[in-house]
Protein backbone atom coordinates (compact mmCIF):
# COMPACT_ATOMS: atom_id res chain seq x y z
CA MET A 1 -10.00 -16.34 5.85
CA ASN A 2 -9.05 -20.29 4.87
CA LEU A 3 -5.40 -19.65 3.86
CA ASP A 4 -2.71 -22.04 4.18
CA VAL A 5 0.13 -18.47 4.45
CA GLU A 6 3.29 -21.10 3.93
CA LYS A 7 1.90 -22.48 0.96
CA VAL A 8 1.20 -19.34 -0.96
CA LYS A 9 4.36 -17.82 0.77
CA LEU A 10 6.08 -20.71 -0.99
CA GLU A 11 3.83 -20.48 -4.52
CA ILE A 12 4.92 -16.87 -4.37
CA GLY A 13 8.58 -17.12 -4.51
CA ASN A 14 8.77 -19.76 -6.55
CA PHE A 15 6.36 -18.11 -9.18
CA LEU A 16 8.60 -15.25 -8.90
CA GLY A 17 11.52 -16.99 -9.34
CA PHE A 18 10.01 -18.46 -12.61
CA CYS A 19 9.64 -14.90 -13.59
CA ASP A 20 13.25 -13.96 -13.16
CA LEU A 21 14.58 -16.90 -14.59
CA ASN A 22 12.29 -16.60 -17.91
CA GLY A 23 10.77 -13.65 -18.51
CA VAL A 24 7.59 -12.07 -17.91
CA GLU A 25 6.39 -13.06 -21.53
CA ALA A 26 6.59 -16.57 -20.49
CA ILE A 27 3.66 -16.20 -18.28
CA GLN A 28 0.86 -18.57 -19.27
CA THR A 29 -3.16 -17.55 -18.83
CA GLU A 30 -3.69 -20.19 -15.84
CA GLN A 31 -0.71 -18.39 -13.91
CA VAL A 32 -2.16 -14.79 -14.94
CA GLN A 33 -4.88 -16.10 -12.37
CA LYS A 34 -2.88 -16.86 -10.16
CA LEU A 35 -0.86 -13.90 -9.56
CA GLU A 36 -4.03 -11.88 -9.21
CA GLU A 37 -5.58 -14.83 -6.21
CA TYR A 38 -1.73 -13.85 -4.61
CA ILE A 39 -2.46 -10.41 -5.03
CA THR A 40 -5.82 -10.35 -3.21
CA ALA A 41 -4.21 -12.64 -0.61
CA CYS A 42 -1.92 -10.19 -0.06
CA ASN A 43 -4.28 -7.57 0.22
CA GLU A 44 -6.55 -9.47 2.44
CA LYS A 45 -4.33 -10.17 5.05
CA HIS A 46 -2.85 -6.90 4.83
CA ASN A 47 -6.26 -5.45 5.60
CA LEU A 48 -6.09 -7.89 8.78
CA GLY A 49 -3.17 -6.28 10.14
CA GLU A 50 -0.59 -8.74 8.46
CA GLU A 51 1.56 -9.05 5.96
CA LEU A 52 1.67 -11.90 3.99
CA VAL A 53 4.67 -10.82 2.13
CA VAL A 54 6.99 -7.66 2.59
CA ASP A 55 6.09 -4.58 0.62
CA ALA A 56 8.45 -4.87 -1.67
CA ILE A 57 7.39 -8.93 -2.82
CA TYR A 58 3.67 -7.05 -3.08
CA ASN A 59 4.92 -4.10 -5.40
CA LYS A 60 6.81 -7.36 -7.21
CA LEU A 61 3.79 -9.16 -8.49
CA MET A 62 1.56 -5.94 -9.04
CA ASP A 63 4.60 -4.76 -11.52
CA ILE A 64 4.53 -7.92 -13.08
CA LEU A 65 0.12 -7.80 -13.50
CA SER A 66 0.70 -4.39 -14.70
CA LYS A 67 2.22 -5.86 -17.49
CA VAL A 68 0.64 -9.13 -18.12
CA ASN A 69 -3.41 -7.92 -17.59
CA PRO A 70 -3.19 -4.16 -17.64
CA GLU A 71 -6.80 -4.40 -17.69
CA SER A 72 -7.08 -6.26 -14.39
CA GLU A 73 -9.75 -4.28 -11.81
CA LEU A 74 -6.31 -5.01 -9.01
CA CYS A 75 -4.13 -2.19 -11.02
CA LYS A 76 -6.93 -0.09 -11.27
CA HIS A 77 -7.23 0.28 -7.17
CA ILE A 78 -4.67 2.71 -5.73
CA TRP A 79 -4.95 1.32 -1.67
CA GLU A 80 -7.50 2.88 0.18
CA ASP A 81 -10.50 3.30 -2.33
CA SER A 82 -13.79 1.48 -0.85
CA VAL A 83 -16.34 3.26 1.45
CA ASP A 84 -16.81 0.07 3.60
CA GLU A 85 -15.28 0.38 6.56
CA PHE A 86 -14.57 3.80 6.46
CA GLU A 87 -15.74 6.46 9.00
CA ASP A 88 -16.47 10.34 9.00
CA THR A 89 -12.81 11.02 9.99
CA ASP A 90 -11.43 8.61 7.18
CA TYR A 91 -12.15 11.30 4.36
CA LEU A 92 -8.96 12.91 4.35
CA VAL A 93 -7.58 9.21 2.95
CA MET A 94 -10.54 8.86 0.85
CA LYS A 95 -9.38 12.10 -0.96
CA ASN A 96 -5.43 11.82 -1.00
CA PRO A 97 -5.33 8.43 -0.91
CA MET A 98 -1.51 6.90 -0.07
CA TYR A 99 0.14 5.99 -3.10
CA SER A 100 2.96 3.30 -3.81
CA ILE A 101 6.83 4.34 -4.85
CA GLN A 102 7.78 3.17 -8.33
CA THR A 103 11.47 1.21 -7.21
CA ALA A 104 14.63 1.51 -9.11
CA LYS A 105 16.53 -0.66 -8.47
CA SER A 106 19.68 0.85 -11.00
CA TYR A 107 21.22 3.34 -11.94
CA THR A 108 19.89 2.81 -15.65
CA CYS A 109 16.62 1.31 -15.25
CA ASP A 110 13.21 2.25 -16.77
CA GLU A 111 12.30 3.68 -13.36
CA ILE A 112 14.95 6.47 -14.04
CA CYS A 113 15.46 6.92 -17.01
CA GLY A 114 11.45 8.03 -17.35
CA PHE A 115 11.72 9.98 -14.57
CA VAL A 116 14.49 12.14 -16.49
CA ARG A 117 13.01 12.32 -19.36
CA ARG A 118 9.27 13.74 -17.83
CA LEU A 119 11.62 16.43 -16.73
CA ASP A 120 12.54 17.27 -20.09
CA SER A 121 11.33 20.58 -20.25
CA THR A 122 13.22 21.84 -17.14
CA GLU A 123 16.77 22.65 -17.09
CA THR A 124 17.07 22.33 -13.23
CA PHE A 125 14.85 20.90 -10.15
CA ASP A 126 15.61 20.54 -6.78
CA ALA A 127 15.56 17.01 -5.16
CA HIS A 128 14.67 16.61 -1.66
CA LEU A 129 16.25 12.88 -0.84
CA SER A 130 15.20 11.23 2.22
CA VAL A 131 15.69 7.63 3.87
CA LYS A 132 13.21 4.92 2.74
CA LEU A 133 12.38 4.00 6.19
CA ASN A 134 11.04 -0.10 6.20
CA GLY A 135 8.10 -0.35 9.27
CA HIS A 136 4.61 -0.33 9.27
CA GLY A 137 3.03 2.11 7.76
CA ILE A 138 0.54 4.57 9.66
CA ARG A 139 -2.18 7.03 9.50
CA VAL A 140 -2.29 9.51 13.31
CA LYS A 141 -5.33 11.31 13.63
CA TYR A 142 -5.69 14.47 15.58
CA SER A 143 -9.38 16.87 15.80
CA HIS A 144 -8.50 20.68 17.30
CA GLY A 145 -4.96 19.00 17.83
CA GLU A 146 -5.87 15.96 20.27
CA PHE A 147 -4.87 12.64 19.16
CA ILE A 148 -7.72 10.46 18.42
CA GLN A 149 -7.17 7.67 16.12
CA ALA A 150 -4.74 5.42 14.67
CA ARG A 151 -4.84 3.25 11.74
CA SER A 152 -2.58 0.86 9.49
CA ARG A 153 -1.91 1.70 5.73
CA ALA A 154 -4.16 -0.54 4.38
CA ARG A 155 -5.08 -2.00 0.53
CA SER A 156 -8.42 -1.36 -0.42
CA SER A 157 -9.89 -0.95 3.64
CA ALA A 158 -9.99 1.68 5.70
CA GLY A 159 -7.10 -0.48 7.94
CA ARG A 160 -6.43 -1.89 11.37
CA ASP A 161 -6.92 0.48 14.38
CA LEU A 162 -3.78 0.78 16.50
CA THR A 163 -5.29 3.78 18.98
CA GLN A 164 -4.39 2.43 21.29
CA GLN A 165 -0.65 1.22 20.70
CA LEU A 166 0.03 4.14 18.70
CA ARG A 167 -1.15 6.40 22.11
CA VAL A 168 1.67 4.51 23.86
CA ALA A 169 4.47 5.66 21.52
CA LEU A 170 2.95 9.48 21.36
CA GLU A 171 2.98 9.77 25.20
CA LYS A 172 6.71 9.10 25.15
CA SER A 173 6.89 12.33 22.79
CA ASP A 174 4.47 14.47 24.01
CA LEU A 175 2.41 14.33 21.29
CA VAL A 176 -0.77 13.33 22.26
CA SER A 177 -2.16 16.48 22.64
CA ILE A 178 -0.88 19.28 20.16
CA PRO A 179 -1.87 23.04 20.78
CA ASP A 180 -0.13 24.13 17.09
CA ILE A 181 -2.98 22.38 15.36
CA ASP A 182 -5.68 23.15 17.91
CA ALA A 183 -7.47 24.98 15.30
CA ILE A 184 -7.48 22.73 12.61
CA PRO A 185 -10.69 20.59 12.74
CA LEU A 186 -9.52 17.31 11.56
CA CYS A 187 -5.95 16.29 10.43
CA GLU A 188 -3.56 13.25 9.25
CA ILE A 189 -0.03 12.44 10.39
CA ARG A 190 1.29 10.20 8.27
CA GLY A 191 4.49 7.89 8.73
CA GLU A 192 6.38 4.78 9.79
CA TRP A 193 6.13 2.49 13.29
CA LEU A 194 9.09 1.06 13.47
CA LEU A 195 11.29 -0.56 16.21
CA PRO A 196 15.01 1.66 16.72
CA LEU A 197 17.44 -0.50 16.35
CA THR A 198 19.02 0.56 19.78
CA ASN A 199 15.88 -0.60 21.05
CA LEU A 200 16.21 -4.49 19.56
CA ASN A 201 17.80 -6.61 22.19
CA GLU A 202 15.53 -5.70 24.27
CA ALA A 203 12.65 -6.44 22.31
CA LYS A 204 14.08 -9.62 22.02
CA GLN A 205 13.59 -10.63 25.32
CA PHE A 206 10.09 -10.54 24.86
CA ASN A 207 10.30 -12.44 21.84
CA ASP A 208 13.30 -15.32 20.92
CA THR A 209 12.05 -15.32 17.43
CA ILE A 210 12.54 -12.30 16.51
CA VAL A 211 15.31 -11.39 13.64
CA SER A 212 15.55 -7.95 12.75
CA ALA A 213 13.78 -4.45 14.11
CA PHE A 214 11.74 -4.92 10.59
CA THR A 215 10.61 -8.06 11.40
CA ALA A 216 9.62 -6.95 14.84
CA VAL A 217 7.12 -4.42 14.13
CA SER A 218 4.33 -7.08 13.24
CA SER A 219 5.06 -9.24 16.69
CA MET A 220 5.32 -6.37 18.59
CA GLY A 221 2.01 -4.08 17.38
CA ARG A 222 -0.35 -7.10 17.88
CA ASP A 223 -2.98 -6.09 20.19
CA SER A 224 -2.48 -9.19 22.57
CA ALA A 225 1.51 -7.09 22.89
CA SER A 226 2.22 -6.08 26.33
CA GLU A 227 2.41 -2.09 26.55
CA GLU A 228 5.98 -2.67 27.36
CA GLU A 229 6.39 -3.72 24.13
CA TRP A 230 4.37 -1.24 22.39
CA GLY A 231 6.74 0.82 24.32
CA LEU A 232 9.58 -0.26 22.48
CA LEU A 233 8.15 0.92 19.36
CA THR A 234 8.34 4.43 18.25
CA PHE A 235 6.74 6.75 15.31
CA VAL A 236 8.57 8.81 12.52
CA ALA A 237 6.11 11.39 10.27
CA TYR A 238 6.69 12.38 6.64
CA GLU A 239 3.39 13.87 6.03
CA PHE A 240 0.65 15.93 7.05
CA ILE A 241 -2.80 16.17 5.83
CA ALA A 242 -5.38 18.30 6.40
CA ASP A 243 -7.99 20.94 4.40
CA GLY A 244 -6.73 24.49 4.07
CA VAL A 245 -2.84 23.62 4.20
CA TYR A 246 -0.62 23.65 1.80
CA PHE A 247 3.49 23.63 1.71
CA SER A 248 5.40 25.03 -1.32
CA SER A 249 7.77 21.94 -0.84
CA LYS A 250 8.69 18.95 0.86
CA GLU A 251 11.07 20.50 3.17
CA GLU A 252 9.45 22.91 4.54
CA GLU A 253 6.32 20.36 5.38
CA TYR A 254 9.51 18.57 7.22
CA ASP A 255 10.51 21.61 9.03
CA PHE A 256 6.89 22.24 9.77
CA LEU A 257 6.04 18.33 11.37
CA GLN A 258 9.45 18.84 13.17
CA SER A 259 7.98 22.15 15.17
CA LEU A 260 5.31 20.08 15.65
CA GLY A 261 7.42 17.62 17.88
CA PHE A 262 7.57 14.80 15.24
CA GLU A 263 10.74 13.15 14.44
CA VAL A 264 11.40 13.14 10.55
CA PRO A 265 13.43 10.68 8.51
CA TYR A 266 16.78 11.62 7.40
CA TYR A 267 17.00 14.16 4.30
CA LEU A 268 19.04 16.48 2.30
CA THR A 269 17.49 19.41 -0.35
CA ILE A 270 19.80 19.34 -3.17
CA GLU A 271 19.31 23.07 -5.18
CA GLU A 272 19.45 23.03 -8.70
CA LEU A 273 20.12 19.87 -10.46
CA ALA A 274 20.39 19.60 -13.83
CA VAL A 275 18.17 17.37 -15.52
CA ARG A 276 20.88 16.90 -18.67
CA THR A 277 23.98 15.72 -16.33
CA PHE A 278 21.36 14.01 -13.27
CA LEU A 279 21.90 10.64 -14.05
CA ILE A 280 25.94 11.27 -14.40
CA GLU A 281 25.41 12.78 -10.93
CA LEU A 282 22.59 10.47 -9.10
CA PRO A 283 25.84 7.59 -7.90
CA ASP A 284 27.98 10.50 -6.16
CA LEU A 285 24.53 12.13 -4.49
CA VAL A 286 23.49 8.53 -3.38
CA GLU A 287 27.11 8.34 -1.62
CA GLU A 288 27.09 11.32 -0.26
CA PHE A 289 23.19 10.80 1.36
CA LYS A 290 24.57 7.51 2.54
CA GLN A 291 27.81 9.51 4.09
CA GLY A 292 24.85 11.36 6.61
CA LEU A 293 24.31 8.00 7.86
CA PHE A 294 27.72 6.67 9.09
CA THR A 295 29.41 7.71 11.38
CA ASN A 296 33.98 6.74 11.85
CA GLY A 297 32.74 3.86 9.00
CA GLU A 298 29.89 2.67 10.98
CA TYR A 299 26.28 2.88 10.44
CA ASN A 300 24.71 5.21 13.28
CA TYR A 301 21.13 5.71 12.13
CA ASP A 302 18.67 4.30 14.54
CA TYR A 303 16.46 2.86 12.32
CA TYR A 304 16.37 0.47 9.28
CA THR A 305 16.96 1.31 6.01
CA ASP A 306 15.69 0.14 2.85
CA GLY A 307 16.41 2.53 -0.28
CA ILE A 308 16.14 6.52 -0.54
CA VAL A 309 13.29 8.64 -1.66
CA LEU A 310 13.89 10.75 -4.26
CA ARG A 311 11.54 13.32 -4.76
CA ILE A 312 10.73 16.86 -6.73
CA ASN A 313 10.54 18.79 -3.68
CA ASP A 314 8.54 22.15 -4.97
CA ASN A 315 5.51 20.85 -4.61
CA SER A 316 3.92 22.43 -7.79
CA HIS A 317 6.63 21.08 -10.14
CA PHE A 318 5.70 17.41 -8.28
CA GLN A 319 1.90 17.38 -9.01
CA LEU A 320 2.46 19.01 -12.65
CA LEU A 321 4.12 15.67 -13.14
CA GLY A 322 0.84 13.29 -12.49
CA ASP A 323 0.48 9.98 -11.92
CA ASP A 324 0.20 6.58 -13.31
CA GLY A 325 -3.55 6.82 -12.77
CA GLY A 326 -4.21 4.14 -10.20
CA ARG A 327 -0.97 3.79 -7.84
CA TYR A 328 2.38 5.76 -8.18
CA LYS A 329 3.31 9.46 -8.44
CA TYR A 330 5.69 10.41 -11.39
CA GLY A 331 7.80 13.04 -9.09
CA ASN A 332 8.99 10.36 -6.85
CA LEU A 333 11.45 7.35 -6.86
CA ALA A 334 12.55 4.78 -4.41
CA LEU A 335 15.98 4.16 -4.85
CA LYS A 336 17.47 0.66 -3.91
CA VAL A 337 20.87 1.29 -5.68
CA GLY A 338 24.78 1.51 -3.85
CA PHE A 339 24.32 1.00 -0.28
CA TRP A 340 20.98 -0.40 -0.63
CA GLU A 341 21.09 -2.07 -3.66
CA GLN A 342 20.11 -5.99 -3.94
CA ASN A 343 22.80 -8.31 -2.48
CA TYR A 344 23.69 -12.44 -3.57
CA TYR A 345 23.35 -14.61 -0.41
CA HIS A 346 24.78 -17.67 -0.32
CA GLY A 347 23.89 -20.80 2.50
CA TYR A 348 24.90 -24.72 2.93
CA ILE A 349 22.65 -27.20 1.50
CA GLN A 350 21.36 -29.05 4.09
CA THR A 351 18.97 -31.64 2.39
CA ILE A 352 17.10 -31.50 -0.90
CA LEU A 353 13.65 -31.73 -0.28
CA TRP A 354 12.21 -32.28 -4.08
CA THR A 355 8.84 -31.56 -4.49
CA LYS A 356 5.55 -32.64 -6.20
CA GLY A 357 4.15 -30.58 -9.68
CA LYS A 358 1.65 -31.58 -12.00
CA THR A 359 3.82 -33.48 -14.06
CA LYS A 360 7.75 -34.13 -12.63
CA LEU A 361 9.14 -33.69 -9.25
CA SER A 362 11.47 -30.60 -8.74
CA PRO A 363 14.42 -30.01 -6.48
CA VAL A 364 14.12 -27.64 -3.54
CA ALA A 365 17.34 -26.89 -1.99
CA ILE A 366 17.31 -26.50 1.98
CA ILE A 367 19.75 -24.34 3.10
CA ALA A 368 21.24 -22.72 6.65
CA GLU A 369 24.34 -20.85 7.67
CA GLU A 370 27.05 -22.33 8.36
CA ASP A 371 26.91 -23.02 11.61
CA ASP A 372 23.66 -24.74 11.54
CA ILE A 373 23.28 -28.02 12.17
CA ILE A 374 19.69 -29.97 10.69
CA GLU A 375 18.30 -32.01 12.74
CA PHE A 376 16.09 -34.26 11.48
CA ASN A 377 12.89 -36.18 13.86
CA ASP A 378 14.29 -39.92 13.14
CA TYR A 379 17.95 -38.95 14.37
CA ASP A 380 18.74 -40.11 10.43
CA ALA A 381 20.74 -38.07 8.02
CA HIS A 382 19.37 -37.20 4.61
CA LEU A 383 19.88 -36.41 1.30
CA TYR A 384 17.15 -36.06 0.27
CA ILE A 385 12.78 -35.73 1.65
CA THR A 386 9.77 -35.38 0.38
CA ASN A 387 8.20 -33.30 3.31
CA PRO A 388 9.78 -30.62 5.40
CA SER A 389 7.99 -31.88 8.58
CA VAL A 390 11.12 -34.21 9.02
CA ILE A 391 13.12 -31.81 9.95
CA LYS A 392 12.95 -31.02 13.69
CA ASN A 393 14.74 -27.81 13.78
CA TYR A 394 13.60 -26.50 10.30
CA LYS A 395 12.51 -22.94 11.57
CA LYS A 396 15.59 -22.32 13.22
CA LEU A 397 17.44 -23.02 9.85
CA GLY A 398 17.95 -20.37 6.99
CA VAL A 399 20.02 -17.66 5.77
CA VAL A 400 18.79 -14.36 6.75
CA THR A 401 18.87 -11.44 4.48
CA ALA A 402 19.43 -7.82 4.83
CA ALA A 403 15.31 -6.49 5.19
CA GLY A 404 15.68 -9.61 8.38
CA ASN A 405 14.04 -12.21 6.16
CA LYS A 406 14.86 -15.96 6.43
CA VAL A 407 15.27 -17.80 3.40
CA ARG A 408 15.39 -21.38 4.18
CA ARG A 409 14.07 -22.90 1.15
CA VAL A 410 15.92 -21.95 -2.86
CA PRO A 411 13.78 -23.84 -5.61
CA LEU A 412 16.05 -25.21 -8.70
CA PHE A 413 13.21 -26.00 -10.66
CA GLU A 414 15.07 -28.75 -12.62
CA PRO A 415 17.13 -31.04 -11.43
CA SER A 416 19.70 -30.49 -14.44
CA ASN A 417 19.97 -27.26 -12.40
CA MET A 418 21.40 -29.92 -9.04
CA LEU A 419 24.69 -30.47 -11.97
CA ALA A 420 25.28 -26.96 -12.67
CA LEU A 421 25.38 -25.57 -9.49
CA ASN A 422 27.11 -28.44 -7.76
CA ALA A 423 24.05 -28.64 -5.15
CA TYR A 424 24.67 -31.59 -2.94
CA LYS A 425 23.86 -31.87 0.91
CA GLY A 426 27.35 -29.71 2.43
CA SER A 427 27.67 -27.04 -0.79
CA ILE A 428 27.61 -23.93 -0.47
CA LEU A 429 24.56 -22.82 -3.12
CA HIS A 430 24.70 -18.83 -4.36
CA PHE A 431 21.42 -17.32 -4.46
CA ARG A 432 20.00 -14.38 -5.50
CA TYR A 433 16.95 -12.43 -2.94
CA GLY A 434 16.48 -8.41 -3.18
CA GLY A 435 12.96 -9.22 -2.01
CA GLU A 436 11.77 -8.31 -5.32
CA ALA A 437 13.05 -11.05 -7.74
CA GLY A 438 11.83 -13.67 -5.43
CA VAL A 439 14.45 -16.68 -4.10
CA VAL A 440 16.33 -17.12 -7.58
CA PRO A 441 20.12 -19.80 -7.59
CA CYS A 442 22.76 -18.35 -9.42
CA TYR A 443 26.39 -18.79 -10.00
CA GLU A 444 29.07 -17.72 -7.21
CA ASP A 445 29.42 -14.32 -9.30
CA GLY A 446 25.58 -13.21 -9.44
CA THR A 447 25.60 -14.78 -12.62
CA PRO A 448 21.38 -16.36 -13.43
CA LEU A 449 21.69 -19.97 -14.92
CA LEU A 450 20.80 -19.42 -18.06
CA GLU A 451 22.95 -17.34 -18.84
CA GLY A 452 26.16 -18.10 -17.41
CA ARG A 453 25.01 -21.88 -18.76
CA VAL A 454 24.85 -20.04 -22.21
CA LYS A 455 27.87 -18.01 -21.96
CA GLN A 456 30.36 -21.34 -21.17
CA LEU A 457 28.78 -23.11 -24.11
CA LEU A 458 29.46 -19.82 -26.45
CA GLU A 459 33.30 -19.87 -25.05
CA ARG A 460 33.54 -23.88 -26.14
CA ASP A 461 35.59 -24.89 -28.92
CA LYS A 462 33.11 -23.76 -31.96
CA GLU A 463 35.05 -26.76 -33.68
CA ASN A 464 33.58 -29.34 -31.50
CA GLU A 465 30.91 -31.00 -33.79
CA ASP A 466 28.56 -31.46 -31.00
CA TRP A 467 28.65 -27.73 -30.15
CA GLU A 468 25.80 -26.72 -31.51
CA ASP A 469 22.96 -29.76 -30.76
CA GLU A 470 24.40 -29.46 -27.23
CA TYR A 471 23.70 -25.57 -27.23
CA GLU A 472 20.49 -25.99 -28.32
CA ASP A 473 19.19 -29.05 -25.78
CA VAL A 474 20.23 -26.32 -22.91
CA TYR A 475 18.93 -23.61 -24.24
CA VAL A 476 15.48 -25.05 -24.94
CA ASP A 477 15.49 -26.95 -21.12
CA GLU A 478 16.20 -23.76 -19.58
CA ILE A 479 13.40 -21.72 -21.48
CA ILE A 480 10.65 -24.68 -21.60
CA PHE A 481 10.42 -26.49 -18.62
């Protein structure tokens, strides 16, 4: 596939930043077409076993598309719905697709409120809370108790074959043969392929470009990697699929997986939660759950997590809630709140990159950590550049996010924003990055540009005769680029 990966990543980041600053309603027809191109590119790369963007960004792109063009064919498929690459042993995934999970980013967001509304005919429910592990989705197949194949989670394909790699992980746990399921002709065990945090330093000895346990899985899981690298990765199971096998609850399913010898995500089951008071109690539930990952105030869980999966524990009740017709089940949510909420970051501006658009040049801040020093190929200092290739150590710059991604570029969109944020070489630049909002500059307290500037204007002395004109100019400039 002839694709300029870095160019597309930057375009996606700029697109999400535009949406964050202006709202989805500002998207034009040509931008919808580009959005569909981005999603298609993500799907194609994913099916090759590579990630163009992390799942959170992909889910955000899909959420936007469902709002601006709900009739798009891309909104109607789940994950694996094409028969082109499927084998006979893939019929279980065709019958039981691997759905995405709706993400809730605040305690009052539409996703959580919708979850509660769908429970309004129920007085109480049992909740199953488990950590949302951030690795690579895998489905492992067994026939009569013998491991036969492993494939990655894929979009519109059967997925990448990872049999060699997963065999190494399963051998570590003596799970290549499982006598307890030898009567089952075919089953799939689904889960996450992960690098334990305790193996991170050893993994860096194989590849010094590894930043985090999450990003390490891509490089260490390649066919070209060594068995030693594969052996540092672990498989954690969360679902068992087989004809004729039914579990009354998610807790029962986890117990069964553990009885077979699989590790499952850390979880809690909480019985008889009152629907009427659930939203009030939820922050305390999240805090209680978080405490199980800490010992003496220190994070003590061996995997990187990026949220909590909240699920109806009773499977009959879970199925009764149904789905959105394509991508999500309504009986679960990915909670990115509390300890897992999106964070604000800051970096030190190294230089300003001016990028060429259709009608103008737009500024982009190149940022780094406080101790980083930018190096140029010609050894001269540049306050402004037009091409990042003049930076000798470009790949070593950037601010590492909680998910282990590096942010090197923060779009400033308009020259006027440089004035508003004092965005010049050597200055501190604050930005928002949760994997879903793209990279968006903001004020030190996280306030978005538009909201902050309008707020400042509203607080000025209204007796100033120029106030009304100044407010109108800034507001229109920010809404319409």
